[in-house]
């Protein structure tokens, strides 16, 4: 699951843009990783890998609140990897300030692992 994934990101059913996600090992404990998502370059996503026999998922432990100090507005990331070759990263922003839970923004990256020769 470690490596560089090249692919495309689509937000809110818009046009796809070329994008990259890099998964690197981190020294916070067993199976901890840092995820660099080119679309949000300044943000390093900290997480850990959870696996079953065919799929890995990366749990991002620092769900990012885009409004400082707010627990009502969260940016959440969900990452799954299949067969060590493809990665799907789903990013969505939820607003809990209203009576109903609403998704404000939804982006999905789909990419394949870059094999170095």
C-alpha atoms as a PDB file:
ATOM      1  CA  UNK A   1       0.000   0.000   0.000  1.00  0.00           C
ATOM      2  CA  UNK A   2       2.978   2.362   0.307  1.00  0.00           C
ATOM      3  CA  UNK A   3       3.827   4.341  -2.799  1.00  0.00           C
ATOM      4  CA  UNK A   4       2.620   6.898  -5.318  1.00  0.00           C
ATOM      5  CA  UNK A   5      -0.782   6.654  -6.986  1.00  0.00           C
ATOM      6  CA  UNK A   6      -1.568   8.605 -10.167  1.00  0.00           C
ATOM      7  CA  UNK A   7      -5.137   9.247 -11.216  1.00  0.00           C
ATOM      8  CA  UNK A   8      -7.988  11.709 -11.298  1.00  0.00           C
ATOM      9  CA  UNK A   9     -10.060  13.642  -8.766  1.00  0.00           C
ATOM     10  CA  UNK A  10     -13.693  14.553  -9.365  1.00  0.00           C
ATOM     11  CA  UNK A  11     -15.571  16.946  -7.080  1.00  0.00           C
ATOM     12  CA  UNK A  12     -19.355  17.347  -6.912  1.00  0.00           C
ATOM     13  CA  UNK A  13     -19.866  15.526 -10.232  1.00  0.00           C
ATOM     14  CA  UNK A  14     -17.631  18.071 -12.006  1.00  0.00           C
ATOM     15  CA  UNK A  15     -14.830  17.503 -14.490  1.00  0.00           C
ATOM     16  CA  UNK A  16     -12.015  15.154 -13.552  1.00  0.00           C
ATOM     17  CA  UNK A  17      -8.592  16.678 -12.887  1.00  0.00           C
ATOM     18  CA  UNK A  18      -5.211  14.938 -12.862  1.00  0.00           C
ATOM     19  CA  UNK A  19      -4.104  14.261  -9.309  1.00  0.00           C
ATOM     20  CA  UNK A  20      -1.613  12.292  -7.187  1.00  0.00           C
ATOM     21  CA  UNK A  21      -1.731  10.628  -3.756  1.00  0.00           C
ATOM     22  CA  UNK A  22       1.425   9.492  -1.954  1.00  0.00           C
ATOM     23  CA  UNK A  23       1.318   7.073   0.993  1.00  0.00           C
ATOM     24  CA  UNK A  24       4.492   6.980   3.125  1.00  0.00           C
ATOM     25  CA  UNK A  25       5.367   5.194   6.372  1.00  0.00           C
ATOM     26  CA  UNK A  26       5.181   7.241   9.570  1.00  0.00           C
ATOM     27  CA  UNK A  27       6.899   6.662  12.901  1.00  0.00           C
ATOM     28  CA  UNK A  28       3.854   6.993  15.147  1.00  0.00           C
ATOM     29  CA  UNK A  29       3.423   3.241  15.575  1.00  0.00           C
ATOM     30  CA  UNK A  30       2.799   0.003  13.717  1.00  0.00           C
ATOM     31  CA  UNK A  31       0.962   0.497  10.405  1.00  0.00           C
ATOM     32  CA  UNK A  32       0.930   4.297  10.762  1.00  0.00           C
ATOM     33  CA  UNK A  33       1.134   6.278   7.518  1.00  0.00           C
ATOM     34  CA  UNK A  34       1.170   9.821   6.192  1.00  0.00           C
ATOM     35  CA  UNK A  35      -0.919  10.571   3.117  1.00  0.00           C
ATOM     36  CA  UNK A  36      -0.076  13.458   0.784  1.00  0.00           C
ATOM     37  CA  UNK A  37      -3.027  14.396  -1.445  1.00  0.00           C
ATOM     38  CA  UNK A  38      -1.788  16.763  -4.175  1.00  0.00           C
ATOM     39  CA  UNK A  39      -5.139  18.598  -4.367  1.00  0.00           C
ATOM     40  CA  UNK A  40      -4.702  19.718  -0.764  1.00  0.00           C
ATOM     41  CA  UNK A  41      -0.901  19.797  -0.804  1.00  0.00           C
ATOM     42  CA  UNK A  42      -0.372  21.755   2.393  1.00  0.00           C
ATOM     43  CA  UNK A  43      -2.300  19.183   4.449  1.00  0.00           C
ATOM     44  CA  UNK A  44      -0.632  15.942   5.593  1.00  0.00           C
ATOM     45  CA  UNK A  45      -3.228  13.336   6.529  1.00  0.00           C
ATOM     46  CA  UNK A  46      -2.147  11.159   9.447  1.00  0.00           C
ATOM     47  CA  UNK A  47      -3.623   7.703   9.688  1.00  0.00           C
ATOM     48  CA  UNK A  48      -3.118   4.002  10.124  1.00  0.00           C
ATOM     49  CA  UNK A  49      -3.727   0.992   7.909  1.00  0.00           C
ATOM     50  CA  UNK A  50      -6.444  -1.536   8.645  1.00  0.00           C
ATOM     51  CA  UNK A  51      -6.638  -4.652   6.499  1.00  0.00           C
ATOM     52  CA  UNK A  52      -8.620  -7.737   5.756  1.00  0.00           C
ATOM     53  CA  UNK A  53      -7.558 -10.386   3.272  1.00  0.00           C
ATOM     54  CA  UNK A  54      -8.234  -8.470   0.043  1.00  0.00           C
ATOM     55  CA  UNK A  55      -8.660  -4.786   0.878  1.00  0.00           C
ATOM     56  CA  UNK A  56      -6.683  -2.268   2.887  1.00  0.00           C
ATOM     57  CA  UNK A  57      -8.249   0.870   4.252  1.00  0.00           C
ATOM     58  CA  UNK A  58      -6.490   3.869   5.715  1.00  0.00           C
ATOM     59  CA  UNK A  59      -8.225   5.413   8.686  1.00  0.00           C
ATOM     60  CA  UNK A  60      -7.469   9.131   8.944  1.00  0.00           C
ATOM     61  CA  UNK A  61      -7.305   9.906  12.645  1.00  0.00           C
ATOM     62  CA  UNK A  62      -7.223  13.687  12.447  1.00  0.00           C
ATOM     63  CA  UNK A  63     -10.516  14.493  10.743  1.00  0.00           C
ATOM     64  CA  UNK A  64      -9.918  18.076   9.736  1.00  0.00           C
ATOM     65  CA  UNK A  65     -12.290  20.776  10.877  1.00  0.00           C
ATOM     66  CA  UNK A  66     -12.169  23.536   8.291  1.00  0.00           C
ATOM     67  CA  UNK A  67     -13.472  26.012  10.889  1.00  0.00           C
ATOM     68  CA  UNK A  68     -11.084  26.242  13.833  1.00  0.00           C
ATOM     69  CA  UNK A  69     -12.617  24.943  17.031  1.00  0.00           C
ATOM     70  CA  UNK A  70     -15.775  23.747  15.303  1.00  0.00           C
ATOM     71  CA  UNK A  71     -17.016  20.207  15.751  1.00  0.00           C
ATOM     72  CA  UNK A  72     -20.056  21.002  13.634  1.00  0.00           C
ATOM     73  CA  UNK A  73     -18.202  21.188  10.328  1.00  0.00           C
ATOM     74  CA  UNK A  74     -15.860  18.309   9.501  1.00  0.00           C
ATOM     75  CA  UNK A  75     -13.756  17.339   6.517  1.00  0.00           C
ATOM     76  CA  UNK A  76     -13.557  13.545   6.459  1.00  0.00           C
ATOM     77  CA  UNK A  77     -11.331  11.257   4.391  1.00  0.00           C
ATOM     78  CA  UNK A  78     -11.966   7.592   3.565  1.00  0.00           C
ATOM     79  CA  UNK A  79      -9.269   5.643   1.709  1.00  0.00           C
ATOM     80  CA  UNK A  80      -9.412   2.092   0.347  1.00  0.00           C
ATOM     81  CA  UNK A  81      -6.782   0.141  -1.564  1.00  0.00           C
ATOM     82  CA  UNK A  82      -7.422  -2.934  -3.695  1.00  0.00           C
ATOM     83  CA  UNK A  83      -4.822  -5.576  -4.571  1.00  0.00           C
ATOM     84  CA  UNK A  84      -1.914  -3.191  -3.889  1.00  0.00           C
ATOM     85  CA  UNK A  85      -2.541  -1.571  -7.285  1.00  0.00           C
ATOM     86  CA  UNK A  86      -5.451   0.862  -7.033  1.00  0.00           C
ATOM     87  CA  UNK A  87      -6.429   3.479  -4.475  1.00  0.00           C
ATOM     88  CA  UNK A  88      -9.721   5.273  -3.937  1.00  0.00           C
ATOM     89  CA  UNK A  89      -9.792   8.357  -1.707  1.00  0.00           C
ATOM     90  CA  UNK A  90     -13.119   9.947  -0.874  1.00  0.00           C
ATOM     91  CA  UNK A  91     -13.144  13.376   0.761  1.00  0.00           C
ATOM     92  CA  UNK A  92     -16.322  14.992   1.960  1.00  0.00           C
ATOM     93  CA  UNK A  93     -17.281  17.951   4.102  1.00  0.00           C
ATOM     94  CA  UNK A  94     -20.229  17.647   6.450  1.00  0.00           C
ATOM     95  CA  UNK A  95     -22.139  20.444   8.139  1.00  0.00           C
ATOM     96  CA  UNK A  96     -23.841  19.393  11.375  1.00  0.00           C
ATOM     97  CA  UNK A  97     -25.027  22.868  12.367  1.00  0.00           C
ATOM     98  CA  UNK A  98     -28.439  22.368  10.832  1.00  0.00           C
ATOM     99  CA  UNK A  99     -31.052  19.923  12.057  1.00  0.00           C
ATOM    100  CA  UNK A 100     -29.999  17.528   9.293  1.00  0.00           C
ATOM    101  CA  UNK A 101     -26.582  16.203   8.376  1.00  0.00           C
ATOM    102  CA  UNK A 102     -25.655  17.662   4.965  1.00  0.00           C
ATOM    103  CA  UNK A 103     -22.690  17.051   2.696  1.00  0.00           C
ATOM    104  CA  UNK A 104     -21.277  20.390   1.516  1.00  0.00           C
ATOM    105  CA  UNK A 105     -18.550  19.133  -0.772  1.00  0.00           C
ATOM    106  CA  UNK A 106     -17.643  15.685  -2.045  1.00  0.00           C
ATOM    107  CA  UNK A 107     -14.481  14.721  -3.934  1.00  0.00           C
ATOM    108  CA  UNK A 108     -13.214  11.329  -5.043  1.00  0.00           C
ATOM    109  CA  UNK A 109      -9.723  10.386  -6.230  1.00  0.00           C
ATOM    110  CA  UNK A 110      -9.245   7.129  -8.148  1.00  0.00           C
ATOM    111  CA  UNK A 111      -5.723   6.133  -9.101  1.00  0.00           C
ATOM    112  CA  UNK A 112      -3.343   3.286  -9.781  1.00  0.00           C
ATOM    113  CA  UNK A 113       0.074   2.655  -8.257  1.00  0.00           C
ATOM    114  CA  UNK A 114       3.038   4.032 -10.174  1.00  0.00           C
ATOM    115  CA  UNK A 115       5.507   1.205 -10.752  1.00  0.00           C
ATOM    116  CA  UNK A 116       9.133   2.313 -10.817  1.00  0.00           C
ATOM    117  CA  UNK A 117      11.357   0.513 -13.305  1.00  0.00           C
END
